[in-house]
Amino acid sequence: MNKRQKICLFVGTALFAVLGLFPRCWVSAGSGTNPLPRRWFILNNSRAFVIRNHTYFYVQQAVIGLTTVGLVLALRDKNPTEKKDDM
């Protein structure tokens, strides 16, 4: 694995983790109020009623995963140099 592949893998993993911690969701003050869309929301806020958009979350994570795998495969070395042991 070369340096560019490692960078893509690290960025993809970090993006996957960050978007898992701060998912897109709808937030309302209680069960009787209208929810408002929020782009970023910390999951451990106990004062709000949170409705998570699961379909958007799963599609977003799939796109990140497939893009990361595609970039890692696309950035591999065309002619890998093999190290030969001189014995």
C-alpha atoms as a PDB file:
ATOM      1  CA  MET A   1       0.000   0.000   0.000  1.00  0.00           C
ATOM      2  CA  ASN A   2       1.543   3.300  -1.056  1.00  0.00           C
ATOM      3  CA  LYS A   3       1.335   6.696   0.656  1.00  0.00           C
ATOM      4  CA  ARG A   4      -1.609   7.996  -1.414  1.00  0.00           C
ATOM      5  CA  GLN A   5      -3.647   4.899  -0.632  1.00  0.00           C
ATOM      6  CA  LYS A   6      -2.954   5.256   3.083  1.00  0.00           C
ATOM      7  CA  ILE A   7      -4.044   8.910   2.998  1.00  0.00           C
ATOM      8  CA  CYS A   8      -7.308   8.010   1.206  1.00  0.00           C
ATOM      9  CA  LEU A   9      -7.977   5.207   3.668  1.00  0.00           C
ATOM     10  CA  PHE A  10      -7.331   7.491   6.645  1.00  0.00           C
ATOM     11  CA  VAL A  11      -9.535  10.305   5.276  1.00  0.00           C
ATOM     12  CA  GLY A  12     -12.336   7.863   4.428  1.00  0.00           C
ATOM     13  CA  THR A  13     -12.213   6.290   7.884  1.00  0.00           C
ATOM     14  CA  ALA A  14     -12.164   9.688   9.600  1.00  0.00           C
ATOM     15  CA  LEU A  15     -15.092  10.928   7.494  1.00  0.00           C
ATOM     16  CA  PHE A  16     -17.012   7.732   8.221  1.00  0.00           C
ATOM     17  CA  ALA A  17     -16.488   8.223  11.973  1.00  0.00           C
ATOM     18  CA  VAL A  18     -17.308  11.954  12.012  1.00  0.00           C
ATOM     19  CA  LEU A  19     -20.521  11.522  10.047  1.00  0.00           C
ATOM     20  CA  GLY A  20     -21.490   8.655  12.340  1.00  0.00           C
ATOM     21  CA  LEU A  21     -21.068  10.874  15.400  1.00  0.00           C
ATOM     22  CA  PHE A  22     -22.937  13.831  13.878  1.00  0.00           C
ATOM     23  CA  PRO A  23     -25.711  12.378  11.682  1.00  0.00           C
ATOM     24  CA  ARG A  24     -28.331  14.370   9.811  1.00  0.00           C
ATOM     25  CA  CYS A  25     -31.499  14.454  11.889  1.00  0.00           C
ATOM     26  CA  TRP A  26     -34.636  16.378  12.776  1.00  0.00           C
ATOM     27  CA  VAL A  27     -34.848  18.043  16.194  1.00  0.00           C
ATOM     28  CA  SER A  28     -37.879  19.253  18.126  1.00  0.00           C
ATOM     29  CA  ALA A  29     -38.359  20.571  21.652  1.00  0.00           C
ATOM     30  CA  GLY A  30     -40.846  17.832  22.484  1.00  0.00           C
ATOM     31  CA  SER A  31     -43.221  15.280  21.036  1.00  0.00           C
ATOM     32  CA  GLY A  32     -45.954  17.888  20.301  1.00  0.00           C
ATOM     33  CA  THR A  33     -43.835  20.431  18.400  1.00  0.00           C
ATOM     34  CA  ASN A  34     -42.845  20.565  14.758  1.00  0.00           C
ATOM     35  CA  PRO A  35     -39.374  19.158  14.090  1.00  0.00           C
ATOM     36  CA  LEU A  36     -36.794  21.402  12.489  1.00  0.00           C
ATOM     37  CA  PRO A  37     -34.063  20.032  10.210  1.00  0.00           C
ATOM     38  CA  ARG A  38     -30.574  20.224  11.629  1.00  0.00           C
ATOM     39  CA  ARG A  39     -27.541  19.367   9.590  1.00  0.00           C
ATOM     40  CA  TRP A  40     -25.238  18.558  12.528  1.00  0.00           C
ATOM     41  CA  PHE A  41     -26.407  17.464  15.932  1.00  0.00           C
ATOM     42  CA  ILE A  42     -24.633  15.869  18.876  1.00  0.00           C
ATOM     43  CA  LEU A  43     -26.505  12.685  19.759  1.00  0.00           C
ATOM     44  CA  ASN A  44     -26.265  13.079  23.549  1.00  0.00           C
ATOM     45  CA  ASN A  45     -28.416  16.209  23.880  1.00  0.00           C
ATOM     46  CA  SER A  46     -31.069  15.278  26.462  1.00  0.00           C
ATOM     47  CA  ARG A  47     -33.197  18.431  26.038  1.00  0.00           C
ATOM     48  CA  ALA A  48     -34.373  17.662  22.503  1.00  0.00           C
ATOM     49  CA  PHE A  49     -36.422  14.972  20.827  1.00  0.00           C
ATOM     50  CA  VAL A  50     -34.352  13.596  17.933  1.00  0.00           C
ATOM     51  CA  ILE A  51     -35.700  11.915  14.804  1.00  0.00           C
ATOM     52  CA  ARG A  52     -32.829  10.402  12.844  1.00  0.00           C
ATOM     53  CA  ASN A  53     -33.035   9.965   9.097  1.00  0.00           C
ATOM     54  CA  HIS A  54     -31.790   6.369   8.830  1.00  0.00           C
ATOM     55  CA  THR A  55     -32.101   6.007   5.061  1.00  0.00           C
ATOM     56  CA  TYR A  56     -29.996   9.097   4.406  1.00  0.00           C
ATOM     57  CA  PHE A  57     -27.437   7.915   6.984  1.00  0.00           C
ATOM     58  CA  TYR A  58     -27.017   4.458   5.423  1.00  0.00           C
ATOM     59  CA  VAL A  59     -26.790   5.813   1.877  1.00  0.00           C
ATOM     60  CA  GLN A  60     -24.248   8.402   2.994  1.00  0.00           C
ATOM     61  CA  GLN A  61     -22.083   5.778   4.702  1.00  0.00           C
ATOM     62  CA  ALA A  62     -22.304   3.469   1.660  1.00  0.00           C
ATOM     63  CA  VAL A  63     -21.187   6.275  -0.661  1.00  0.00           C
ATOM     64  CA  ILE A  64     -18.243   7.102   1.620  1.00  0.00           C
ATOM     65  CA  GLY A  65     -17.225   3.440   1.829  1.00  0.00           C
ATOM     66  CA  LEU A  66     -17.480   2.795  -1.909  1.00  0.00           C
ATOM     67  CA  THR A  67     -15.641   6.007  -2.770  1.00  0.00           C
ATOM     68  CA  THR A  68     -12.840   5.186  -0.342  1.00  0.00           C
ATOM     69  CA  VAL A  69     -12.445   1.658  -1.717  1.00  0.00           C
ATOM     70  CA  GLY A  70     -12.550   2.973  -5.296  1.00  0.00           C
ATOM     71  CA  LEU A  71      -9.869   5.572  -4.606  1.00  0.00           C
ATOM     72  CA  VAL A  72      -7.628   3.062  -2.851  1.00  0.00           C
ATOM     73  CA  LEU A  73      -7.910   0.701  -5.822  1.00  0.00           C
ATOM     74  CA  ALA A  74      -7.470   3.485  -8.387  1.00  0.00           C
ATOM     75  CA  LEU A  75      -4.359   4.881  -6.694  1.00  0.00           C
ATOM     76  CA  ARG A  76      -2.450   1.604  -6.489  1.00  0.00           C
ATOM     77  CA  ASP A  77       0.888   1.372  -8.212  1.00  0.00           C
ATOM     78  CA  LYS A  78       0.709   0.253 -11.828  1.00  0.00           C
ATOM     79  CA  ASN A  79       4.064  -1.527 -11.747  1.00  0.00           C
ATOM     80  CA  PRO A  80       4.876  -2.518  -8.195  1.00  0.00           C
ATOM     81  CA  THR A  81       8.555  -2.959  -7.611  1.00  0.00           C
ATOM     82  CA  GLU A  82       9.402  -6.238  -6.010  1.00  0.00           C
ATOM     83  CA  LYS A  83      12.226  -6.441  -3.560  1.00  0.00           C
ATOM     84  CA  LYS A  84      14.563  -9.322  -4.280  1.00  0.00           C
ATOM     85  CA  ASP A  85      16.738 -10.814  -1.613  1.00  0.00           C
ATOM     86  CA  ASP A  86      20.346 -11.278  -2.658  1.00  0.00           C
ATOM     87  CA  MET A  87      21.565 -14.521  -1.180  1.00  0.00           C
END
